[in-house]
Amino acid sequence: MISRQKKFLALYKLPNKELEEYLRYCLKEFKNVVIQAYCPDMNNIISPEKSADPGIVSDHQPCIFCQMEDIIDEPWIKILFSGKPQDLKAMENKINDFGIEGKISRVFSSEIYLEFLPPMVSKGSMLPELREYMGTGYKIYAVGDYNNDMEMLLAADVGIATQNALQGIKDIADMITVSNNESAIADIIYHII
């Protein structure tokens, strides 16, 4: 979470050193999956540049290509795996083999994105901290479309699903807006204000 002064109010980190062996395995065995290690100031793509999907790279800017060794001592706040659903499921099934279960939280943020986050960290887990930081007199609106948004929508004062959200997300939402391809945020602001 970043304050108005553009500094982090809280920084939760992944256990880099404990993830290293698992990530090396994934780089070797799943060459078509793009692996990105997010640090506070940069998205670092540790997959070879030649195997990276240009669309995924353009959607996750700013980013640089680097080796894992270049950032092993930096704080990692998220690992994002981008690839075919069957590859991501196979990677997820290997977590126990590397002893990292319980040391990370994981969520599919779409069928082609698997995210590793620090334990107990999610969009929803941050809303109580946001409430404490902001104080009283505010209403929190949250917008989502996929499984990684569920906890956040439930924790918000008003949970909003986009029209193209998964059915389970629509089922828990307080309201539904247009598709996220149809300026959903602008639609929400227009209808709330």
C-alpha atoms as a PDB file:
ATOM      1  CA  MET A   1       0.000   0.000   0.000  1.00  0.00           C
ATOM      2  CA  ILE A   2       1.439   3.392  -0.997  1.00  0.00           C
ATOM      3  CA  SER A   3       0.602   6.645   0.781  1.00  0.00           C
ATOM      4  CA  ARG A   4       0.124  10.100  -0.729  1.00  0.00           C
ATOM      5  CA  GLN A   5       3.801  10.706  -0.017  1.00  0.00           C
ATOM      6  CA  LYS A   6       4.527   7.798  -2.396  1.00  0.00           C
ATOM      7  CA  LYS A   7       6.025   5.597   0.274  1.00  0.00           C
ATOM      8  CA  PHE A   8       4.942   2.143   1.331  1.00  0.00           C
ATOM      9  CA  LEU A   9       2.869   2.012   4.477  1.00  0.00           C
ATOM     10  CA  ALA A  10       3.366  -1.738   4.686  1.00  0.00           C
ATOM     11  CA  LEU A  11       5.669  -4.020   2.742  1.00  0.00           C
ATOM     12  CA  TYR A  12       5.122  -7.761   2.828  1.00  0.00           C
ATOM     13  CA  LYS A  13       7.813  -9.879   1.209  1.00  0.00           C
ATOM     14  CA  LEU A  14       8.101 -13.356  -0.226  1.00  0.00           C
ATOM     15  CA  PRO A  15      10.878 -15.694   0.988  1.00  0.00           C
ATOM     16  CA  ASN A  16      13.210 -15.247  -2.018  1.00  0.00           C
ATOM     17  CA  LYS A  17      15.831 -17.760  -1.013  1.00  0.00           C
ATOM     18  CA  GLU A  18      13.256 -20.444  -0.288  1.00  0.00           C
ATOM     19  CA  LEU A  19      11.566 -19.888  -3.666  1.00  0.00           C
ATOM     20  CA  GLU A  20      14.804 -19.948  -5.659  1.00  0.00           C
ATOM     21  CA  GLU A  21      15.005 -23.736  -6.203  1.00  0.00           C
ATOM     22  CA  TYR A  22      11.331 -23.923  -7.194  1.00  0.00           C
ATOM     23  CA  LEU A  23      11.679 -21.049  -9.660  1.00  0.00           C
ATOM     24  CA  ARG A  24      14.793 -22.594 -11.215  1.00  0.00           C
ATOM     25  CA  TYR A  25      12.845 -25.820 -11.683  1.00  0.00           C
ATOM     26  CA  CYS A  26       9.966 -23.924 -13.328  1.00  0.00           C
ATOM     27  CA  LEU A  27      12.324 -22.032 -15.646  1.00  0.00           C
ATOM     28  CA  LYS A  28      13.796 -25.344 -16.785  1.00  0.00           C
ATOM     29  CA  GLU A  29      10.630 -27.442 -17.029  1.00  0.00           C
ATOM     30  CA  PHE A  30       8.050 -24.866 -18.163  1.00  0.00           C
ATOM     31  CA  LYS A  31       9.846 -22.878 -20.845  1.00  0.00           C
ATOM     32  CA  ASN A  32       6.595 -21.425 -22.247  1.00  0.00           C
ATOM     33  CA  VAL A  33       5.582 -19.881 -18.921  1.00  0.00           C
ATOM     34  CA  VAL A  34       6.717 -16.301 -18.321  1.00  0.00           C
ATOM     35  CA  ILE A  35       7.924 -15.769 -14.739  1.00  0.00           C
ATOM     36  CA  GLN A  36       7.933 -12.263 -13.282  1.00  0.00           C
ATOM     37  CA  ALA A  37       9.270 -11.236  -9.876  1.00  0.00           C
ATOM     38  CA  TYR A  38       7.757  -7.953  -8.713  1.00  0.00           C
ATOM     39  CA  CYS A  39       9.896  -5.740  -6.497  1.00  0.00           C
ATOM     40  CA  PRO A  40       8.618  -2.431  -5.055  1.00  0.00           C
ATOM     41  CA  ASP A  41      10.050  -0.401  -7.928  1.00  0.00           C
ATOM     42  CA  MET A  42      10.174  -2.801 -10.873  1.00  0.00           C
ATOM     43  CA  ASN A  43       8.648  -5.848 -12.504  1.00  0.00           C
ATOM     44  CA  ASN A  44      11.555  -8.195 -13.260  1.00  0.00           C
ATOM     45  CA  ILE A  45      11.020 -10.858 -15.912  1.00  0.00           C
ATOM     46  CA  ILE A  46      13.350 -13.728 -15.125  1.00  0.00           C
ATOM     47  CA  SER A  47      12.266 -15.863 -18.089  1.00  0.00           C
ATOM     48  CA  PRO A  48      14.401 -15.596 -21.226  1.00  0.00           C
ATOM     49  CA  GLU A  49      13.334 -12.670 -23.391  1.00  0.00           C
ATOM     50  CA  LYS A  50      13.028 -14.888 -26.465  1.00  0.00           C
ATOM     51  CA  SER A  51      10.303 -16.985 -24.789  1.00  0.00           C
ATOM     52  CA  ALA A  52       8.270 -14.076 -23.419  1.00  0.00           C
ATOM     53  CA  ASP A  53       4.861 -13.368 -24.916  1.00  0.00           C
ATOM     54  CA  PRO A  54       5.024  -9.751 -26.235  1.00  0.00           C
ATOM     55  CA  GLY A  55       1.417  -9.147 -25.151  1.00  0.00           C
ATOM     56  CA  ILE A  56       2.154 -10.147 -21.568  1.00  0.00           C
ATOM     57  CA  VAL A  57       5.296  -8.004 -21.549  1.00  0.00           C
ATOM     58  CA  SER A  58       3.408  -4.947 -22.829  1.00  0.00           C
ATOM     59  CA  ASP A  59       0.622  -5.470 -20.267  1.00  0.00           C
ATOM     60  CA  HIS A  60       3.085  -5.533 -17.342  1.00  0.00           C
ATOM     61  CA  GLN A  61       5.102  -2.352 -17.739  1.00  0.00           C
ATOM     62  CA  PRO A  62       7.464  -1.076 -16.531  1.00  0.00           C
ATOM     63  CA  CYS A  63       9.554  -4.223 -16.672  1.00  0.00           C
ATOM     64  CA  ILE A  64      13.065  -5.403 -17.354  1.00  0.00           C
ATOM     65  CA  PHE A  65      14.522  -8.773 -18.264  1.00  0.00           C
ATOM     66  CA  CYS A  66      17.103 -10.025 -15.818  1.00  0.00           C
ATOM     67  CA  GLN A  67      18.543 -13.113 -14.180  1.00  0.00           C
ATOM     68  CA  MET A  68      17.240 -14.304 -10.832  1.00  0.00           C
ATOM     69  CA  GLU A  69      20.725 -13.727  -9.363  1.00  0.00           C
ATOM     70  CA  ASP A  70      20.386 -10.023 -10.179  1.00  0.00           C
ATOM     71  CA  ILE A  71      17.421  -9.604  -7.843  1.00  0.00           C
ATOM     72  CA  ILE A  72      17.783 -12.403  -5.277  1.00  0.00           C
ATOM     73  CA  ASP A  73      18.555  -9.888  -2.509  1.00  0.00           C
ATOM     74  CA  GLU A  74      15.759  -7.472  -3.504  1.00  0.00           C
ATOM     75  CA  PRO A  75      12.383  -7.655  -1.751  1.00  0.00           C
ATOM     76  CA  TRP A  76       9.961  -9.704  -3.858  1.00  0.00           C
ATOM     77  CA  ILE A  77       6.348  -8.723  -3.298  1.00  0.00           C
ATOM     78  CA  LYS A  78       4.743 -10.958  -5.938  1.00  0.00           C
ATOM     79  CA  ILE A  79       5.667 -13.674  -8.409  1.00  0.00           C
ATOM     80  CA  LEU A  80       3.448 -13.823 -11.496  1.00  0.00           C
ATOM     81  CA  PHE A  81       3.425 -16.876 -13.753  1.00  0.00           C
ATOM     82  CA  SER A  82       1.812 -16.345 -17.181  1.00  0.00           C
ATOM     83  CA  GLY A  83       1.048 -19.309 -19.385  1.00  0.00           C
ATOM     84  CA  LYS A  84      -1.322 -22.032 -20.476  1.00  0.00           C
ATOM     85  CA  PRO A  85      -3.754 -23.169 -17.750  1.00  0.00           C
ATOM     86  CA  GLN A  86      -2.499 -26.773 -17.866  1.00  0.00           C
ATOM     87  CA  ASP A  87       1.119 -25.633 -17.341  1.00  0.00           C
ATOM     88  CA  LEU A  88       0.151 -23.387 -14.437  1.00  0.00           C
ATOM     89  CA  LYS A  89      -1.812 -26.221 -12.776  1.00  0.00           C
ATOM     90  CA  ALA A  90       1.180 -28.550 -13.207  1.00  0.00           C
ATOM     91  CA  MET A  91       3.437 -25.921 -11.625  1.00  0.00           C
ATOM     92  CA  GLU A  92       1.001 -25.471  -8.754  1.00  0.00           C
ATOM     93  CA  ASN A  93       0.983 -29.242  -8.173  1.00  0.00           C
ATOM     94  CA  LYS A  94       4.784 -29.144  -7.635  1.00  0.00           C
ATOM     95  CA  ILE A  95       4.673 -26.675  -4.724  1.00  0.00           C
ATOM     96  CA  ASN A  96       4.711 -29.379  -2.040  1.00  0.00           C
ATOM     97  CA  ASP A  97       7.769 -31.028  -3.591  1.00  0.00           C
ATOM     98  CA  PHE A  98       9.794 -27.884  -2.855  1.00  0.00           C
ATOM     99  CA  GLY A  99       8.578 -27.229   0.699  1.00  0.00           C
ATOM    100  CA  ILE A 100       7.078 -23.809   0.013  1.00  0.00           C
ATOM    101  CA  GLU A 101       3.475 -24.633   0.922  1.00  0.00           C
ATOM    102  CA  GLY A 102       2.497 -22.338   3.795  1.00  0.00           C
ATOM    103  CA  LYS A 103       5.310 -19.905   2.987  1.00  0.00           C
ATOM    104  CA  ILE A 104       3.280 -18.289   0.200  1.00  0.00           C
ATOM    105  CA  SER A 105      -0.309 -17.488  -0.680  1.00  0.00           C
ATOM    106  CA  ARG A 106      -1.340 -18.361  -4.209  1.00  0.00           C
ATOM    107  CA  VAL A 107      -4.247 -17.413  -6.410  1.00  0.00           C
ATOM    108  CA  PHE A 108      -5.243 -17.627 -10.049  1.00  0.00           C
ATOM    109  CA  SER A 109      -5.971 -14.049 -11.098  1.00  0.00           C
ATOM    110  CA  SER A 110      -7.179 -15.357 -14.473  1.00  0.00           C
ATOM    111  CA  GLU A 111      -6.940 -18.707 -16.184  1.00  0.00           C
ATOM    112  CA  ILE A 112      -3.532 -17.699 -17.591  1.00  0.00           C
ATOM    113  CA  TYR A 113      -2.100 -16.006 -14.461  1.00  0.00           C
ATOM    114  CA  LEU A 114      -0.979 -17.718 -11.263  1.00  0.00           C
ATOM    115  CA  GLU A 115       0.255 -15.376  -8.520  1.00  0.00           C
ATOM    116  CA  PHE A 116       2.427 -16.096  -5.483  1.00  0.00           C
ATOM    117  CA  LEU A 117       2.039 -13.553  -2.684  1.00  0.00           C
ATOM    118  CA  PRO A 118       3.378 -13.344   0.857  1.00  0.00           C
ATOM    119  CA  PRO A 119       1.376 -15.491   3.307  1.00  0.00           C
ATOM    120  CA  MET A 120      -1.972 -13.997   4.334  1.00  0.00           C
ATOM    121  CA  VAL A 121      -1.656 -11.208   1.761  1.00  0.00           C
ATOM    122  CA  SER A 122      -4.432 -10.531  -0.718  1.00  0.00           C
ATOM    123  CA  LYS A 123      -6.430  -7.616  -2.022  1.00  0.00           C
ATOM    124  CA  GLY A 124      -9.009  -8.275   0.673  1.00  0.00           C
ATOM    125  CA  SER A 125      -6.528  -8.600   3.538  1.00  0.00           C
ATOM    126  CA  MET A 126      -5.342  -5.045   2.885  1.00  0.00           C
ATOM    127  CA  LEU A 127      -8.758  -3.391   3.264  1.00  0.00           C
ATOM    128  CA  PRO A 128      -8.687  -3.384   7.104  1.00  0.00           C
ATOM    129  CA  GLU A 129      -5.282  -1.657   6.949  1.00  0.00           C
ATOM    130  CA  LEU A 130      -6.658   0.836   4.453  1.00  0.00           C
ATOM    131  CA  ARG A 131      -9.616   1.538   6.777  1.00  0.00           C
ATOM    132  CA  GLU A 132      -7.253   2.110   9.695  1.00  0.00           C
ATOM    133  CA  TYR A 133      -5.063   4.420   7.631  1.00  0.00           C
ATOM    134  CA  MET A 134      -7.980   6.433   6.193  1.00  0.00           C
ATOM    135  CA  GLY A 135      -9.953   6.714   9.435  1.00  0.00           C
ATOM    136  CA  THR A 136     -13.711   6.981   9.644  1.00  0.00           C
ATOM    137  CA  GLY A 137     -16.108   8.647   7.258  1.00  0.00           C
ATOM    138  CA  TYR A 138     -15.064   6.773   4.145  1.00  0.00           C
ATOM    139  CA  LYS A 139     -16.867   4.112   2.182  1.00  0.00           C
ATOM    140  CA  ILE A 140     -14.731   1.559   0.350  1.00  0.00           C
ATOM    141  CA  TYR A 141     -15.856   0.488  -3.102  1.00  0.00           C
ATOM    142  CA  ALA A 142     -14.080  -2.471  -4.675  1.00  0.00           C
ATOM    143  CA  VAL A 143     -14.337  -3.727  -8.235  1.00  0.00           C
ATOM    144  CA  GLY A 144     -13.386  -7.161  -9.474  1.00  0.00           C
ATOM    145  CA  ASP A 145     -13.894  -9.868 -12.023  1.00  0.00           C
ATOM    146  CA  TYR A 146     -11.929 -12.959 -10.984  1.00  0.00           C
ATOM    147  CA  ASN A 147     -11.194 -15.248  -8.008  1.00  0.00           C
ATOM    148  CA  ASN A 148      -8.384 -13.049  -6.682  1.00  0.00           C
ATOM    149  CA  ASP A 149     -10.996 -10.304  -6.115  1.00  0.00           C
ATOM    150  CA  MET A 150     -13.475 -12.345  -4.037  1.00  0.00           C
ATOM    151  CA  GLU A 151     -12.083 -11.561  -0.569  1.00  0.00           C
ATOM    152  CA  MET A 152     -11.765  -7.870  -1.467  1.00  0.00           C
ATOM    153  CA  LEU A 153     -15.381  -7.615  -2.678  1.00  0.00           C
ATOM    154  CA  LEU A 154     -16.611  -9.267   0.510  1.00  0.00           C
ATOM    155  CA  ALA A 155     -14.515  -6.949   2.732  1.00  0.00           C
ATOM    156  CA  ALA A 156     -15.535  -3.738   0.933  1.00  0.00           C
ATOM    157  CA  ASP A 157     -18.526  -1.630   1.892  1.00  0.00           C
ATOM    158  CA  VAL A 158     -19.730  -2.026  -1.689  1.00  0.00           C
ATOM    159  CA  GLY A 159     -18.468  -4.924  -3.805  1.00  0.00           C
ATOM    160  CA  ILE A 160     -18.917  -4.451  -7.535  1.00  0.00           C
ATOM    161  CA  ALA A 161     -18.485  -7.110 -10.215  1.00  0.00           C
ATOM    162  CA  THR A 162     -17.954  -6.373 -13.863  1.00  0.00           C
ATOM    163  CA  GLN A 163     -20.434  -7.827 -16.355  1.00  0.00           C
ATOM    164  CA  ASN A 164     -17.762 -10.213 -17.660  1.00  0.00           C
ATOM    165  CA  ALA A 165     -16.798 -11.429 -14.170  1.00  0.00           C
ATOM    166  CA  LEU A 166     -16.920 -15.075 -13.173  1.00  0.00           C
ATOM    167  CA  GLN A 167     -20.394 -16.088 -12.028  1.00  0.00           C
ATOM    168  CA  GLY A 168     -19.152 -16.719  -8.482  1.00  0.00           C
ATOM    169  CA  ILE A 169     -17.900 -13.126  -8.309  1.00  0.00           C
ATOM    170  CA  LYS A 170     -21.206 -11.768  -9.595  1.00  0.00           C
ATOM    171  CA  ASP A 171     -23.050 -13.874  -7.011  1.00  0.00           C
ATOM    172  CA  ILE A 172     -21.293 -12.202  -4.075  1.00  0.00           C
ATOM    173  CA  ALA A 173     -21.270  -8.654  -5.482  1.00  0.00           C
ATOM    174  CA  ASP A 174     -23.542  -5.900  -4.219  1.00  0.00           C
ATOM    175  CA  MET A 175     -23.892  -4.592  -7.754  1.00  0.00           C
ATOM    176  CA  ILE A 176     -22.808  -5.365 -11.307  1.00  0.00           C
ATOM    177  CA  THR A 177     -21.430  -2.844 -13.758  1.00  0.00           C
ATOM    178  CA  VAL A 178     -20.506  -3.024 -17.429  1.00  0.00           C
ATOM    179  CA  SER A 179     -17.686  -5.228 -18.727  1.00  0.00           C
ATOM    180  CA  ASN A 180     -14.130  -4.208 -17.867  1.00  0.00           C
ATOM    181  CA  ASN A 181     -13.722  -3.771 -21.635  1.00  0.00           C
ATOM    182  CA  GLU A 182     -16.418  -1.074 -21.594  1.00  0.00           C
ATOM    183  CA  SER A 183     -14.896   1.456 -19.175  1.00  0.00           C
ATOM    184  CA  ALA A 184     -16.244  -0.175 -16.024  1.00  0.00           C
ATOM    185  CA  ILE A 185     -14.496   2.254 -13.656  1.00  0.00           C
ATOM    186  CA  ALA A 186     -15.862   5.272 -15.532  1.00  0.00           C
ATOM    187  CA  ASP A 187     -19.328   3.711 -15.396  1.00  0.00           C
ATOM    188  CA  ILE A 188     -19.039   3.174 -11.649  1.00  0.00           C
ATOM    189  CA  ILE A 189     -17.819   6.722 -11.004  1.00  0.00           C
ATOM    190  CA  TYR A 190     -20.638   8.117 -13.129  1.00  0.00           C
ATOM    191  CA  HIS A 191     -23.280   6.115 -11.252  1.00  0.00           C
ATOM    192  CA  ILE A 192     -21.835   6.719  -7.774  1.00  0.00           C
ATOM    193  CA  ILE A 193     -21.185  10.443  -8.213  1.00  0.00           C
END
